[in-house]
Amino acid sequence: QVQLVESGGGLVQPGGSLRLSCAASGMRFSLATLGWYRQAPGKQREQVAGITISGSTTYADSVKGRFTISRDNAKNTVYLQMNSLKPEDTAVYYCKARSVITGDSWGQGTQVTVSS
């Protein structure tokens, strides 16, 4: 079955950077649309970035210019580079893969905490 495993979260000071990774297995990764989502305590899950099969990207207004999503089809991995982090970026971050063959799949999430 499809498995998505996120890594790279942690505690970082405001203004710092983190790079999240999401490794996929059990699917045709190159044929999937990928996204990073986050959910802060007491808030709904929101999409922060997406990348299509062709490599086109989209970002939430709140992260534009600070976050970069990328994919490496050879490694079945999607990344989220997060720079200039703010306390309001604190959340559990999830990756999602959408494929016409396997449908929607989610990772288990990784905690990102931005605090001094």
Protein backbone atom coordinates (compact mmCIF):
# COMPACT_ATOMS: atom_id res chain seq x y z
CA GLN A 1 0.00 0.00 0.00
CA VAL A 2 0.98 3.64 -0.28
CA GLN A 3 3.20 4.98 2.49
CA LEU A 4 4.30 8.57 2.99
CA VAL A 5 6.87 9.30 5.69
CA GLU A 6 7.68 12.88 6.65
CA SER A 7 10.87 13.96 8.37
CA GLY A 8 12.82 17.11 9.12
CA GLY A 9 10.58 18.83 11.62
CA GLY A 10 11.80 20.27 14.88
CA LEU A 11 12.27 23.35 17.00
CA VAL A 12 13.71 26.44 15.33
CA GLN A 13 14.06 30.08 16.30
CA PRO A 14 12.16 32.79 14.45
CA GLY A 15 13.97 33.66 11.23
CA GLY A 16 15.46 30.20 10.97
CA SER A 17 15.07 27.52 8.34
CA LEU A 18 14.00 23.90 8.09
CA ARG A 19 13.70 21.45 5.23
CA LEU A 20 10.96 18.87 5.39
CA SER A 21 11.12 15.67 3.40
CA CYS A 22 8.39 13.20 2.50
CA ALA A 23 9.45 9.82 1.14
CA ALA A 24 6.84 7.81 -0.74
CA SER A 25 6.53 4.12 -1.49
CA GLY A 26 3.93 1.82 -2.99
CA MET A 27 2.90 4.22 -5.73
CA ARG A 28 3.87 5.68 -9.10
CA PHE A 29 5.37 8.79 -7.54
CA SER A 30 6.05 10.54 -10.85
CA LEU A 31 2.33 10.40 -11.68
CA ALA A 32 1.18 12.01 -8.43
CA THR A 33 0.30 15.57 -7.58
CA LEU A 34 1.90 16.41 -4.25
CA GLY A 35 1.17 18.88 -1.51
CA TRP A 36 2.26 20.04 1.90
CA TYR A 37 -0.40 20.91 4.45
CA ARG A 38 -0.27 22.09 8.04
CA GLN A 39 -2.56 22.08 11.02
CA ALA A 40 -2.05 24.30 14.03
CA PRO A 41 -3.78 23.60 17.36
CA GLY A 42 -7.43 24.57 17.19
CA LYS A 43 -7.28 25.35 13.48
CA GLN A 44 -8.29 23.58 10.30
CA ARG A 45 -5.75 21.86 8.13
CA GLU A 46 -4.60 24.15 5.32
CA GLN A 47 -2.55 23.63 2.20
CA VAL A 48 0.68 25.60 2.14
CA ALA A 49 2.23 24.38 -1.10
CA GLY A 50 1.54 22.10 -4.04
CA ILE A 51 3.46 20.73 -7.00
CA THR A 52 2.01 19.10 -10.09
CA ILE A 53 3.28 16.22 -12.19
CA SER A 54 4.90 18.71 -14.55
CA GLY A 55 6.53 20.63 -11.70
CA SER A 56 4.23 23.64 -11.51
CA THR A 57 3.99 25.01 -8.00
CA THR A 58 1.44 26.92 -5.93
CA TYR A 59 1.72 28.50 -2.50
CA ALA A 60 -0.53 29.91 0.16
CA ASP A 61 -0.22 33.67 0.43
CA SER A 62 1.09 33.32 3.96
CA VAL A 63 4.21 31.43 2.83
CA LYS A 64 4.93 32.92 -0.61
CA GLY A 65 8.53 34.00 -0.92
CA ARG A 66 9.55 32.00 2.17
CA PHE A 67 8.68 28.36 1.38
CA THR A 68 9.72 26.32 -1.65
CA ILE A 69 8.26 22.97 -2.65
CA SER A 70 10.22 20.62 -4.88
CA ARG A 71 10.16 16.99 -5.94
CA ASP A 72 12.76 14.39 -6.84
CA ASN A 73 11.05 11.64 -8.80
CA ALA A 74 14.22 9.52 -8.80
CA LYS A 75 14.11 9.44 -5.00
CA ASN A 76 10.30 9.36 -4.66
CA THR A 77 10.60 12.35 -2.35
CA VAL A 78 8.95 15.74 -2.04
CA TYR A 79 10.57 18.55 -0.09
CA LEU A 80 9.47 21.75 1.60
CA GLN A 81 12.22 24.28 2.19
CA MET A 82 11.05 26.73 4.82
CA ASN A 83 12.97 29.97 5.35
CA SER A 84 12.35 33.04 7.49
CA LEU A 85 10.17 31.00 9.79
CA LYS A 86 7.67 32.77 12.03
CA PRO A 87 5.95 31.65 15.22
CA GLU A 88 2.70 31.45 13.26
CA ASP A 89 4.26 28.72 11.10
CA THR A 90 4.13 26.42 14.12
CA ALA A 91 2.02 23.39 13.21
CA VAL A 92 2.06 19.73 12.32
CA TYR A 93 3.05 19.48 8.67
CA TYR A 94 1.66 16.72 6.45
CA CYS A 95 2.41 15.67 2.92
CA LYS A 96 -0.27 14.41 0.59
CA ALA A 97 -0.05 12.52 -2.66
CA ARG A 98 -2.91 12.43 -5.13
CA SER A 99 -2.90 9.85 -7.89
CA VAL A 100 -5.61 8.70 -10.27
CA ILE A 101 -4.46 5.15 -9.54
CA THR A 102 -4.22 5.18 -5.73
CA GLY A 103 -6.31 8.20 -4.78
CA ASP A 104 -5.32 10.47 -1.87
CA SER A 105 -2.68 9.37 0.61
CA TRP A 106 -1.39 11.21 3.69
CA GLY A 107 1.71 11.00 5.80
CA GLN A 108 1.66 10.84 9.58
CA GLY A 109 2.87 14.42 10.02
CA THR A 110 5.94 16.11 11.48
CA GLN A 111 5.91 18.82 14.13
CA VAL A 112 7.42 22.20 13.37
CA THR A 113 7.76 24.61 16.28
CA VAL A 114 9.03 28.15 15.78
CA SER A 115 9.90 29.74 19.10
CA SER A 116 12.65 31.64 20.82
